[in-house]
């Protein structure tokens, strides 16, 4: 396993390259997470695939520049990673933000993506493929107020890495999600700011910049440009929700080839750490079907 920072688009992107002999697979984490989230998953893939886990810009050990947090910017970073590793094509697995970035990658660089697994980016916020009643962010006072409060808040600082870990673990413990994989992910996310204060590696300016663009994204515009096979991984609640199922079904029909697999007990986006076996096996079965086509 090779750890390195690939420099592209003026930013250093931290990766771990598990240099197997098969096709390359890019693993893209959810927002606020990092490449450590894939530790329980990689053993299912490394025997037959070259696995590359990535810290998206503003996360983990990657650089956190002042700008560049549109999903298209982060997808461009990944092209730089592939180029730096001299990889022509790769399968892409994305969770939440990682799925959005993977969708942009598949839509905008169709010759570089062999397949796309989407644990996220399964609906837009607004529009005919959206879940909100307002027509747009401009008309959604509740969301605008939420974004204003986020921006007004200061970046939290902590007196020690242990204090940060205790704070960040509260959500996972309260939900019953706490395990060694989650602890490893959170421990890896400890960083320091320019003044030497202990902070979370997902910098506030990075999170704010991403949220500035998120609600205006229309994922249907991306799906319509995807040419590779797609596997959607919805939760059971999404499958049981008639409106959500309808949106996902219509999105799937925008692509040339799309499957939908509901993995029992998979919890978006944490299931990769909580129960890596079933969801990994669903992806590997998808790859096997592609190999037979």
C-alpha atoms as a PDB file:
ATOM      1  CA  UNK A   1       0.000   0.000   0.000  1.00  0.00           C
ATOM      2  CA  UNK A   2       1.379   3.339  -1.098  1.00  0.00           C
ATOM      3  CA  UNK A   3       0.454   6.582   0.655  1.00  0.00           C
ATOM      4  CA  UNK A   4       1.123   9.788  -1.227  1.00  0.00           C
ATOM      5  CA  UNK A   5      -0.145  13.267  -1.992  1.00  0.00           C
ATOM      6  CA  UNK A   6      -0.882  13.822  -5.665  1.00  0.00           C
ATOM      7  CA  UNK A   7      -0.578  17.467  -6.729  1.00  0.00           C
ATOM      8  CA  UNK A   8      -3.129  18.598  -9.287  1.00  0.00           C
ATOM      9  CA  UNK A   9      -5.145  21.761  -9.982  1.00  0.00           C
ATOM     10  CA  UNK A  10      -3.010  23.598  -7.439  1.00  0.00           C
ATOM     11  CA  UNK A  11      -4.034  21.295  -4.583  1.00  0.00           C
ATOM     12  CA  UNK A  12      -2.495  18.253  -2.931  1.00  0.00           C
ATOM     13  CA  UNK A  13      -4.845  15.258  -2.803  1.00  0.00           C
ATOM     14  CA  UNK A  14      -3.967  12.542  -0.295  1.00  0.00           C
ATOM     15  CA  UNK A  15      -4.460   8.984  -1.502  1.00  0.00           C
ATOM     16  CA  UNK A  16      -3.770   5.421  -0.467  1.00  0.00           C
ATOM     17  CA  UNK A  17      -3.000   3.189  -3.423  1.00  0.00           C
ATOM     18  CA  UNK A  18      -3.469  -0.522  -2.781  1.00  0.00           C
ATOM     19  CA  UNK A  19      -1.657  -1.591  -5.922  1.00  0.00           C
ATOM     20  CA  UNK A  20      -3.464  -4.746  -7.016  1.00  0.00           C
ATOM     21  CA  UNK A  21      -3.305  -6.358 -10.410  1.00  0.00           C
ATOM     22  CA  UNK A  22      -6.860  -5.799 -11.618  1.00  0.00           C
ATOM     23  CA  UNK A  23      -8.912  -2.811 -12.733  1.00  0.00           C
ATOM     24  CA  UNK A  24      -8.620   0.340 -10.639  1.00  0.00           C
ATOM     25  CA  UNK A  25     -11.393   1.331  -8.220  1.00  0.00           C
ATOM     26  CA  UNK A  26     -11.661   4.860  -6.791  1.00  0.00           C
ATOM     27  CA  UNK A  27     -13.281   5.045  -3.336  1.00  0.00           C
ATOM     28  CA  UNK A  28     -14.837   8.447  -2.492  1.00  0.00           C
ATOM     29  CA  UNK A  29     -15.965   9.165   1.071  1.00  0.00           C
ATOM     30  CA  UNK A  30     -18.961  11.075   2.438  1.00  0.00           C
ATOM     31  CA  UNK A  31     -18.824  14.683   3.666  1.00  0.00           C
ATOM     32  CA  UNK A  32     -16.851  15.107   6.868  1.00  0.00           C
ATOM     33  CA  UNK A  33     -15.339  11.660   6.450  1.00  0.00           C
ATOM     34  CA  UNK A  34     -12.049  10.617   4.854  1.00  0.00           C
ATOM     35  CA  UNK A  35     -10.299   7.690   3.220  1.00  0.00           C
ATOM     36  CA  UNK A  36     -10.167   5.767   6.529  1.00  0.00           C
ATOM     37  CA  UNK A  37     -13.878   4.981   6.175  1.00  0.00           C
ATOM     38  CA  UNK A  38     -12.980   2.417   3.507  1.00  0.00           C
ATOM     39  CA  UNK A  39     -10.660   0.363   5.737  1.00  0.00           C
ATOM     40  CA  UNK A  40     -13.333  -2.304   6.452  1.00  0.00           C
ATOM     41  CA  UNK A  41     -14.310  -2.430   2.764  1.00  0.00           C
ATOM     42  CA  UNK A  42     -10.937  -2.712   1.039  1.00  0.00           C
ATOM     43  CA  UNK A  43     -10.219  -6.326   2.078  1.00  0.00           C
ATOM     44  CA  UNK A  44     -13.185  -7.399  -0.074  1.00  0.00           C
ATOM     45  CA  UNK A  45     -11.628  -5.759  -3.166  1.00  0.00           C
ATOM     46  CA  UNK A  46      -7.843  -5.802  -2.956  1.00  0.00           C
ATOM     47  CA  UNK A  47      -7.384  -9.391  -4.147  1.00  0.00           C
ATOM     48  CA  UNK A  48      -8.783  -8.573  -7.590  1.00  0.00           C
ATOM     49  CA  UNK A  49      -8.668  -4.784  -7.948  1.00  0.00           C
ATOM     50  CA  UNK A  50      -6.264  -1.901  -7.596  1.00  0.00           C
ATOM     51  CA  UNK A  51      -7.953   0.121  -4.863  1.00  0.00           C
ATOM     52  CA  UNK A  52      -7.361   3.853  -4.509  1.00  0.00           C
ATOM     53  CA  UNK A  53      -8.919   5.573  -1.500  1.00  0.00           C
ATOM     54  CA  UNK A  54      -8.968   9.360  -1.705  1.00  0.00           C
ATOM     55  CA  UNK A  55      -9.296  12.298   0.671  1.00  0.00           C
ATOM     56  CA  UNK A  56     -11.369  14.851  -1.251  1.00  0.00           C
ATOM     57  CA  UNK A  57     -10.057  18.393  -1.102  1.00  0.00           C
ATOM     58  CA  UNK A  58     -10.808  19.995   2.269  1.00  0.00           C
ATOM     59  CA  UNK A  59     -10.925  16.582   3.970  1.00  0.00           C
ATOM     60  CA  UNK A  60      -8.489  14.301   5.751  1.00  0.00           C
ATOM     61  CA  UNK A  61      -4.859  14.957   4.826  1.00  0.00           C
ATOM     62  CA  UNK A  62      -5.646  16.669   1.520  1.00  0.00           C
ATOM     63  CA  UNK A  63      -5.116  20.405   1.149  1.00  0.00           C
ATOM     64  CA  UNK A  64      -7.973  22.747   2.011  1.00  0.00           C
ATOM     65  CA  UNK A  65      -7.698  25.743  -0.330  1.00  0.00           C
ATOM     66  CA  UNK A  66      -9.979  28.735   0.002  1.00  0.00           C
ATOM     67  CA  UNK A  67     -12.095  27.751  -3.014  1.00  0.00           C
ATOM     68  CA  UNK A  68     -12.845  24.900  -5.389  1.00  0.00           C
ATOM     69  CA  UNK A  69     -15.579  22.943  -3.580  1.00  0.00           C
ATOM     70  CA  UNK A  70     -18.050  22.483  -6.393  1.00  0.00           C
ATOM     71  CA  UNK A  71     -18.441  18.803  -7.198  1.00  0.00           C
ATOM     72  CA  UNK A  72     -17.030  19.542 -10.658  1.00  0.00           C
ATOM     73  CA  UNK A  73     -13.858  20.974  -9.088  1.00  0.00           C
ATOM     74  CA  UNK A  74     -13.427  17.881  -6.950  1.00  0.00           C
ATOM     75  CA  UNK A  75     -14.064  15.635  -9.940  1.00  0.00           C
ATOM     76  CA  UNK A  76     -11.330  17.512 -11.802  1.00  0.00           C
ATOM     77  CA  UNK A  77      -9.016  16.738  -8.866  1.00  0.00           C
ATOM     78  CA  UNK A  78      -9.702  13.046  -9.382  1.00  0.00           C
ATOM     79  CA  UNK A  79      -8.761  13.247 -13.045  1.00  0.00           C
ATOM     80  CA  UNK A  80      -5.478  14.677 -11.846  1.00  0.00           C
ATOM     81  CA  UNK A  81      -5.112  11.742  -9.462  1.00  0.00           C
ATOM     82  CA  UNK A  82      -5.758   9.233 -12.242  1.00  0.00           C
ATOM     83  CA  UNK A  83      -3.332  11.028 -14.510  1.00  0.00           C
ATOM     84  CA  UNK A  84      -0.704  11.147 -11.774  1.00  0.00           C
ATOM     85  CA  UNK A  85      -1.056   7.407 -11.219  1.00  0.00           C
ATOM     86  CA  UNK A  86      -1.094   6.769 -14.976  1.00  0.00           C
ATOM     87  CA  UNK A  87      -4.531   5.133 -14.807  1.00  0.00           C
ATOM     88  CA  UNK A  88      -6.625   5.451 -17.959  1.00  0.00           C
ATOM     89  CA  UNK A  89      -9.929   4.189 -16.531  1.00  0.00           C
ATOM     90  CA  UNK A  90     -11.367   3.276 -13.139  1.00  0.00           C
ATOM     91  CA  UNK A  91     -14.514   2.060 -11.472  1.00  0.00           C
ATOM     92  CA  UNK A  92     -15.875   4.684  -9.055  1.00  0.00           C
ATOM     93  CA  UNK A  93     -17.628   4.075  -5.726  1.00  0.00           C
ATOM     94  CA  UNK A  94     -18.996   7.149  -3.969  1.00  0.00           C
ATOM     95  CA  UNK A  95     -20.861   7.786  -0.731  1.00  0.00           C
ATOM     96  CA  UNK A  96     -22.904  10.995  -0.265  1.00  0.00           C
ATOM     97  CA  UNK A  97     -20.601  13.864  -1.357  1.00  0.00           C
ATOM     98  CA  UNK A  98     -18.382  11.163  -2.821  1.00  0.00           C
ATOM     99  CA  UNK A  99     -21.331   9.952  -4.894  1.00  0.00           C
ATOM    100  CA  UNK A 100     -21.989  13.489  -6.121  1.00  0.00           C
ATOM    101  CA  UNK A 101     -18.346  13.931  -7.107  1.00  0.00           C
ATOM    102  CA  UNK A 102     -18.345  10.477  -8.708  1.00  0.00           C
ATOM    103  CA  UNK A 103     -21.471  11.399 -10.672  1.00  0.00           C
ATOM    104  CA  UNK A 104     -19.760  14.526 -11.981  1.00  0.00           C
ATOM    105  CA  UNK A 105     -16.710  12.458 -12.883  1.00  0.00           C
ATOM    106  CA  UNK A 106     -18.791   9.884 -14.778  1.00  0.00           C
ATOM    107  CA  UNK A 107     -20.841  12.551 -16.576  1.00  0.00           C
ATOM    108  CA  UNK A 108     -18.013  14.873 -17.556  1.00  0.00           C
ATOM    109  CA  UNK A 109     -15.259  12.317 -18.219  1.00  0.00           C
ATOM    110  CA  UNK A 110     -17.130   9.341 -19.692  1.00  0.00           C
ATOM    111  CA  UNK A 111     -13.999   7.814 -21.203  1.00  0.00           C
ATOM    112  CA  UNK A 112     -12.323   7.600 -17.792  1.00  0.00           C
ATOM    113  CA  UNK A 113     -15.067   5.879 -15.748  1.00  0.00           C
ATOM    114  CA  UNK A 114     -15.758   2.165 -16.207  1.00  0.00           C
ATOM    115  CA  UNK A 115     -18.731   2.045 -13.809  1.00  0.00           C
ATOM    116  CA  UNK A 116     -20.252   4.171 -11.067  1.00  0.00           C
ATOM    117  CA  UNK A 117     -21.698   3.018  -7.731  1.00  0.00           C
ATOM    118  CA  UNK A 118     -23.906   5.680  -6.125  1.00  0.00           C
ATOM    119  CA  UNK A 119     -24.574   5.596  -2.384  1.00  0.00           C
ATOM    120  CA  UNK A 120     -26.045   9.074  -2.613  1.00  0.00           C
ATOM    121  CA  UNK A 121     -26.876  11.619  -5.337  1.00  0.00           C
ATOM    122  CA  UNK A 122     -30.151   9.741  -5.777  1.00  0.00           C
ATOM    123  CA  UNK A 123     -32.320  12.861  -5.923  1.00  0.00           C
ATOM    124  CA  UNK A 124     -31.955  16.609  -6.269  1.00  0.00           C
ATOM    125  CA  UNK A 125     -33.194  19.052  -3.653  1.00  0.00           C
ATOM    126  CA  UNK A 126     -35.487  21.064  -5.959  1.00  0.00           C
ATOM    127  CA  UNK A 127     -37.140  20.708  -9.321  1.00  0.00           C
ATOM    128  CA  UNK A 128     -38.931  17.776 -10.914  1.00  0.00           C
ATOM    129  CA  UNK A 129     -36.299  15.378  -9.522  1.00  0.00           C
ATOM    130  CA  UNK A 130     -36.263  17.049  -6.104  1.00  0.00           C
ATOM    131  CA  UNK A 131     -37.775  16.238  -2.738  1.00  0.00           C
ATOM    132  CA  UNK A 132     -38.534  19.734  -1.423  1.00  0.00           C
ATOM    133  CA  UNK A 133     -41.856  21.535  -1.904  1.00  0.00           C
ATOM    134  CA  UNK A 134     -40.251  24.885  -2.777  1.00  0.00           C
ATOM    135  CA  UNK A 135     -39.279  25.419  -6.386  1.00  0.00           C
ATOM    136  CA  UNK A 136     -35.767  26.654  -5.609  1.00  0.00           C
ATOM    137  CA  UNK A 137     -33.436  27.742  -2.838  1.00  0.00           C
ATOM    138  CA  UNK A 138     -34.397  31.370  -3.471  1.00  0.00           C
ATOM    139  CA  UNK A 139     -37.954  30.519  -2.377  1.00  0.00           C
ATOM    140  CA  UNK A 140     -37.017  28.251   0.551  1.00  0.00           C
ATOM    141  CA  UNK A 141     -36.794  30.478   3.625  1.00  0.00           C
ATOM    142  CA  UNK A 142     -36.127  27.556   5.983  1.00  0.00           C
ATOM    143  CA  UNK A 143     -33.057  26.367   4.106  1.00  0.00           C
ATOM    144  CA  UNK A 144     -31.773  29.918   3.562  1.00  0.00           C
ATOM    145  CA  UNK A 145     -31.977  30.548   7.317  1.00  0.00           C
ATOM    146  CA  UNK A 146     -30.129  27.300   8.025  1.00  0.00           C
ATOM    147  CA  UNK A 147     -27.328  28.278   5.650  1.00  0.00           C
ATOM    148  CA  UNK A 148     -27.071  31.740   7.176  1.00  0.00           C
ATOM    149  CA  UNK A 149     -26.698  30.263  10.662  1.00  0.00           C
ATOM    150  CA  UNK A 150     -24.026  27.853   9.462  1.00  0.00           C
ATOM    151  CA  UNK A 151     -22.010  30.636   7.901  1.00  0.00           C
ATOM    152  CA  UNK A 152     -22.315  32.872  10.955  1.00  0.00           C
ATOM    153  CA  UNK A 153     -20.924  30.203  13.279  1.00  0.00           C
ATOM    154  CA  UNK A 154     -17.196  30.198  14.010  1.00  0.00           C
ATOM    155  CA  UNK A 155     -14.951  27.231  13.303  1.00  0.00           C
ATOM    156  CA  UNK A 156     -14.765  25.078  16.463  1.00  0.00           C
ATOM    157  CA  UNK A 157     -11.339  24.674  18.068  1.00  0.00           C
ATOM    158  CA  UNK A 158     -10.394  22.128  20.721  1.00  0.00           C
ATOM    159  CA  UNK A 159      -7.795  21.958  23.472  1.00  0.00           C
ATOM    160  CA  UNK A 160      -6.593  18.500  22.453  1.00  0.00           C
ATOM    161  CA  UNK A 161      -7.136  15.754  19.876  1.00  0.00           C
ATOM    162  CA  UNK A 162      -8.860  13.682  22.548  1.00  0.00           C
ATOM    163  CA  UNK A 163     -11.391  16.453  23.196  1.00  0.00           C
ATOM    164  CA  UNK A 164     -12.160  16.649  19.487  1.00  0.00           C
ATOM    165  CA  UNK A 165     -12.532  12.884  19.265  1.00  0.00           C
ATOM    166  CA  UNK A 166     -14.904  12.848  22.242  1.00  0.00           C
ATOM    167  CA  UNK A 167     -17.011  15.610  20.679  1.00  0.00           C
ATOM    168  CA  UNK A 168     -17.128  14.083  17.218  1.00  0.00           C
ATOM    169  CA  UNK A 169     -17.923  10.609  18.544  1.00  0.00           C
ATOM    170  CA  UNK A 170     -21.094  11.708  20.354  1.00  0.00           C
ATOM    171  CA  UNK A 171     -23.342  11.416  17.294  1.00  0.00           C
ATOM    172  CA  UNK A 172     -22.085   7.933  16.436  1.00  0.00           C
ATOM    173  CA  UNK A 173     -22.377   6.683  19.996  1.00  0.00           C
ATOM    174  CA  UNK A 174     -25.880   8.107  20.400  1.00  0.00           C
ATOM    175  CA  UNK A 175     -26.964   6.346  17.193  1.00  0.00           C
ATOM    176  CA  UNK A 176     -25.342   3.046  18.179  1.00  0.00           C
ATOM    177  CA  UNK A 177     -22.848   3.365  15.314  1.00  0.00           C
ATOM    178  CA  UNK A 178     -19.661   3.378  17.371  1.00  0.00           C
ATOM    179  CA  UNK A 179     -17.068   0.787  16.392  1.00  0.00           C
ATOM    180  CA  UNK A 180     -13.297   0.643  15.704  1.00  0.00           C
ATOM    181  CA  UNK A 181     -13.730   1.638  12.050  1.00  0.00           C
ATOM    182  CA  UNK A 182     -15.659   4.785  12.978  1.00  0.00           C
ATOM    183  CA  UNK A 183     -13.081   5.614  15.652  1.00  0.00           C
ATOM    184  CA  UNK A 184     -10.249   5.258  13.127  1.00  0.00           C
ATOM    185  CA  UNK A 185     -12.051   7.566  10.684  1.00  0.00           C
ATOM    186  CA  UNK A 186     -12.625  10.241  13.328  1.00  0.00           C
ATOM    187  CA  UNK A 187      -9.094   9.983  14.712  1.00  0.00           C
ATOM    188  CA  UNK A 188      -7.676  10.515  11.227  1.00  0.00           C
ATOM    189  CA  UNK A 189      -9.759  13.695  10.905  1.00  0.00           C
ATOM    190  CA  UNK A 190      -7.861  15.555  13.632  1.00  0.00           C
ATOM    191  CA  UNK A 191      -5.956  18.525  12.173  1.00  0.00           C
ATOM    192  CA  UNK A 192      -4.529  21.905  13.150  1.00  0.00           C
ATOM    193  CA  UNK A 193      -5.277  25.332  11.755  1.00  0.00           C
ATOM    194  CA  UNK A 194      -2.798  28.061  10.860  1.00  0.00           C
ATOM    195  CA  UNK A 195      -2.553  29.114  14.513  1.00  0.00           C
ATOM    196  CA  UNK A 196      -1.834  25.581  15.711  1.00  0.00           C
ATOM    197  CA  UNK A 197      -5.299  25.012  17.205  1.00  0.00           C
ATOM    198  CA  UNK A 198      -6.780  21.519  17.073  1.00  0.00           C
ATOM    199  CA  UNK A 199      -9.652  21.424  14.568  1.00  0.00           C
ATOM    200  CA  UNK A 200     -11.624  18.982  12.459  1.00  0.00           C
ATOM    201  CA  UNK A 201      -9.935  18.293   9.118  1.00  0.00           C
ATOM    202  CA  UNK A 202     -13.131  19.172   7.223  1.00  0.00           C
ATOM    203  CA  UNK A 203     -12.504  22.894   7.477  1.00  0.00           C
ATOM    204  CA  UNK A 204     -15.446  25.211   7.977  1.00  0.00           C
ATOM    205  CA  UNK A 205     -14.647  27.250   4.875  1.00  0.00           C
ATOM    206  CA  UNK A 206     -14.652  24.034   2.831  1.00  0.00           C
ATOM    207  CA  UNK A 207     -17.979  22.906   4.261  1.00  0.00           C
ATOM    208  CA  UNK A 208     -19.524  26.347   3.772  1.00  0.00           C
ATOM    209  CA  UNK A 209     -18.300  26.581   0.177  1.00  0.00           C
ATOM    210  CA  UNK A 210     -19.749  23.166  -0.637  1.00  0.00           C
ATOM    211  CA  UNK A 211     -23.105  24.032   0.944  1.00  0.00           C
ATOM    212  CA  UNK A 212     -23.215  27.238  -1.098  1.00  0.00           C
ATOM    213  CA  UNK A 213     -23.503  25.174  -4.276  1.00  0.00           C
ATOM    214  CA  UNK A 214     -25.213  22.004  -3.066  1.00  0.00           C
ATOM    215  CA  UNK A 215     -28.845  23.153  -3.149  1.00  0.00           C
ATOM    216  CA  UNK A 216     -28.523  24.410  -6.706  1.00  0.00           C
ATOM    217  CA  UNK A 217     -27.224  21.101  -8.037  1.00  0.00           C
ATOM    218  CA  UNK A 218     -29.499  19.246 -10.433  1.00  0.00           C
ATOM    219  CA  UNK A 219     -28.291  15.681 -10.530  1.00  0.00           C
ATOM    220  CA  UNK A 220     -30.606  14.834 -13.419  1.00  0.00           C
ATOM    221  CA  UNK A 221     -28.419  17.002 -15.650  1.00  0.00           C
ATOM    222  CA  UNK A 222     -25.461  14.798 -14.768  1.00  0.00           C
ATOM    223  CA  UNK A 223     -27.224  11.435 -15.046  1.00  0.00           C
ATOM    224  CA  UNK A 224     -28.335  12.340 -18.571  1.00  0.00           C
ATOM    225  CA  UNK A 225     -24.650  12.524 -19.579  1.00  0.00           C
ATOM    226  CA  UNK A 226     -23.491   9.293 -17.907  1.00  0.00           C
ATOM    227  CA  UNK A 227     -22.519   6.544 -20.332  1.00  0.00           C
ATOM    228  CA  UNK A 228     -21.076   3.913 -17.994  1.00  0.00           C
ATOM    229  CA  UNK A 229     -23.085   1.290 -16.073  1.00  0.00           C
ATOM    230  CA  UNK A 230     -24.500   2.614 -12.795  1.00  0.00           C
ATOM    231  CA  UNK A 231     -25.447   0.848  -9.558  1.00  0.00           C
ATOM    232  CA  UNK A 232     -27.690   2.810  -7.194  1.00  0.00           C
ATOM    233  CA  UNK A 233     -27.649   1.811  -3.517  1.00  0.00           C
ATOM    234  CA  UNK A 234     -30.780   3.254  -1.872  1.00  0.00           C
ATOM    235  CA  UNK A 235     -31.776   2.656   1.723  1.00  0.00           C
ATOM    236  CA  UNK A 236     -34.881   0.651   2.494  1.00  0.00           C
ATOM    237  CA  UNK A 237     -36.680   3.848   3.541  1.00  0.00           C
ATOM    238  CA  UNK A 238     -36.032   5.297   0.076  1.00  0.00           C
ATOM    239  CA  UNK A 239     -37.389   2.176  -1.581  1.00  0.00           C
ATOM    240  CA  UNK A 240     -40.498   2.310   0.619  1.00  0.00           C
ATOM    241  CA  UNK A 241     -41.134   5.996  -0.147  1.00  0.00           C
ATOM    242  CA  UNK A 242     -43.234   6.140  -3.313  1.00  0.00           C
ATOM    243  CA  UNK A 243     -42.106   9.650  -4.271  1.00  0.00           C
ATOM    244  CA  UNK A 244     -38.430   8.923  -3.666  1.00  0.00           C
ATOM    245  CA  UNK A 245     -38.606   5.619  -5.514  1.00  0.00           C
ATOM    246  CA  UNK A 246     -40.196   7.443  -8.437  1.00  0.00           C
ATOM    247  CA  UNK A 247     -37.393  10.009  -8.541  1.00  0.00           C
ATOM    248  CA  UNK A 248     -34.690   7.335  -8.418  1.00  0.00           C
ATOM    249  CA  UNK A 249     -36.423   5.315 -11.117  1.00  0.00           C
ATOM    250  CA  UNK A 250     -36.682   8.321 -13.408  1.00  0.00           C
ATOM    251  CA  UNK A 251     -33.032   9.206 -12.795  1.00  0.00           C
ATOM    252  CA  UNK A 252     -32.009   5.657 -13.610  1.00  0.00           C
ATOM    253  CA  UNK A 253     -33.818   5.868 -16.950  1.00  0.00           C
ATOM    254  CA  UNK A 254     -31.715   8.878 -17.940  1.00  0.00           C
ATOM    255  CA  UNK A 255     -28.653   6.636 -18.131  1.00  0.00           C
ATOM    256  CA  UNK A 256     -27.802   3.962 -20.682  1.00  0.00           C
ATOM    257  CA  UNK A 257     -27.552   1.189 -18.069  1.00  0.00           C
ATOM    258  CA  UNK A 258     -28.566   1.423 -14.426  1.00  0.00           C
ATOM    259  CA  UNK A 259     -29.385  -1.067 -11.693  1.00  0.00           C
ATOM    260  CA  UNK A 260     -30.849  -0.471  -8.248  1.00  0.00           C
ATOM    261  CA  UNK A 261     -29.894  -2.725  -5.325  1.00  0.00           C
ATOM    262  CA  UNK A 262     -31.290  -2.415  -1.818  1.00  0.00           C
ATOM    263  CA  UNK A 263     -28.759  -3.989   0.541  1.00  0.00           C
ATOM    264  CA  UNK A 264     -30.505  -5.248   3.706  1.00  0.00           C
ATOM    265  CA  UNK A 265     -29.768  -3.031   6.728  1.00  0.00           C
ATOM    266  CA  UNK A 266     -27.481  -0.714   4.756  1.00  0.00           C
ATOM    267  CA  UNK A 267     -27.492   2.720   6.398  1.00  0.00           C
ATOM    268  CA  UNK A 268     -26.497   5.666   4.216  1.00  0.00           C
ATOM    269  CA  UNK A 269     -23.701   6.751   4.390  1.00  0.00           C
ATOM    270  CA  UNK A 270     -22.323   4.803   7.357  1.00  0.00           C
ATOM    271  CA  UNK A 271     -23.050   1.238   6.272  1.00  0.00           C
ATOM    272  CA  UNK A 272     -19.601   0.814   4.705  1.00  0.00           C
ATOM    273  CA  UNK A 273     -18.145   0.976   8.221  1.00  0.00           C
ATOM    274  CA  UNK A 274     -20.974  -0.698  10.127  1.00  0.00           C
ATOM    275  CA  UNK A 275     -21.654  -3.714   7.894  1.00  0.00           C
ATOM    276  CA  UNK A 276     -19.095  -3.705   5.072  1.00  0.00           C
ATOM    277  CA  UNK A 277     -19.688  -7.270   3.934  1.00  0.00           C
ATOM    278  CA  UNK A 278     -23.182  -7.118   2.378  1.00  0.00           C
ATOM    279  CA  UNK A 279     -22.688  -3.801   0.591  1.00  0.00           C
ATOM    280  CA  UNK A 280     -19.241  -4.813  -0.701  1.00  0.00           C
ATOM    281  CA  UNK A 281     -20.649  -8.097  -1.973  1.00  0.00           C
ATOM    282  CA  UNK A 282     -23.420  -6.218  -3.784  1.00  0.00           C
ATOM    283  CA  UNK A 283     -20.824  -4.095  -5.579  1.00  0.00           C
ATOM    284  CA  UNK A 284     -18.647  -7.098  -6.426  1.00  0.00           C
ATOM    285  CA  UNK A 285     -21.674  -8.935  -7.822  1.00  0.00           C
ATOM    286  CA  UNK A 286     -22.351  -5.872  -9.979  1.00  0.00           C
ATOM    287  CA  UNK A 287     -18.778  -6.020 -11.284  1.00  0.00           C
ATOM    288  CA  UNK A 288     -19.159  -9.727 -12.050  1.00  0.00           C
ATOM    289  CA  UNK A 289     -22.301  -9.038 -14.081  1.00  0.00           C
ATOM    290  CA  UNK A 290     -20.466  -6.333 -16.024  1.00  0.00           C
ATOM    291  CA  UNK A 291     -17.608  -8.715 -16.784  1.00  0.00           C
ATOM    292  CA  UNK A 292     -20.064 -11.187 -18.308  1.00  0.00           C
ATOM    293  CA  UNK A 293     -21.721  -8.638 -20.601  1.00  0.00           C
END
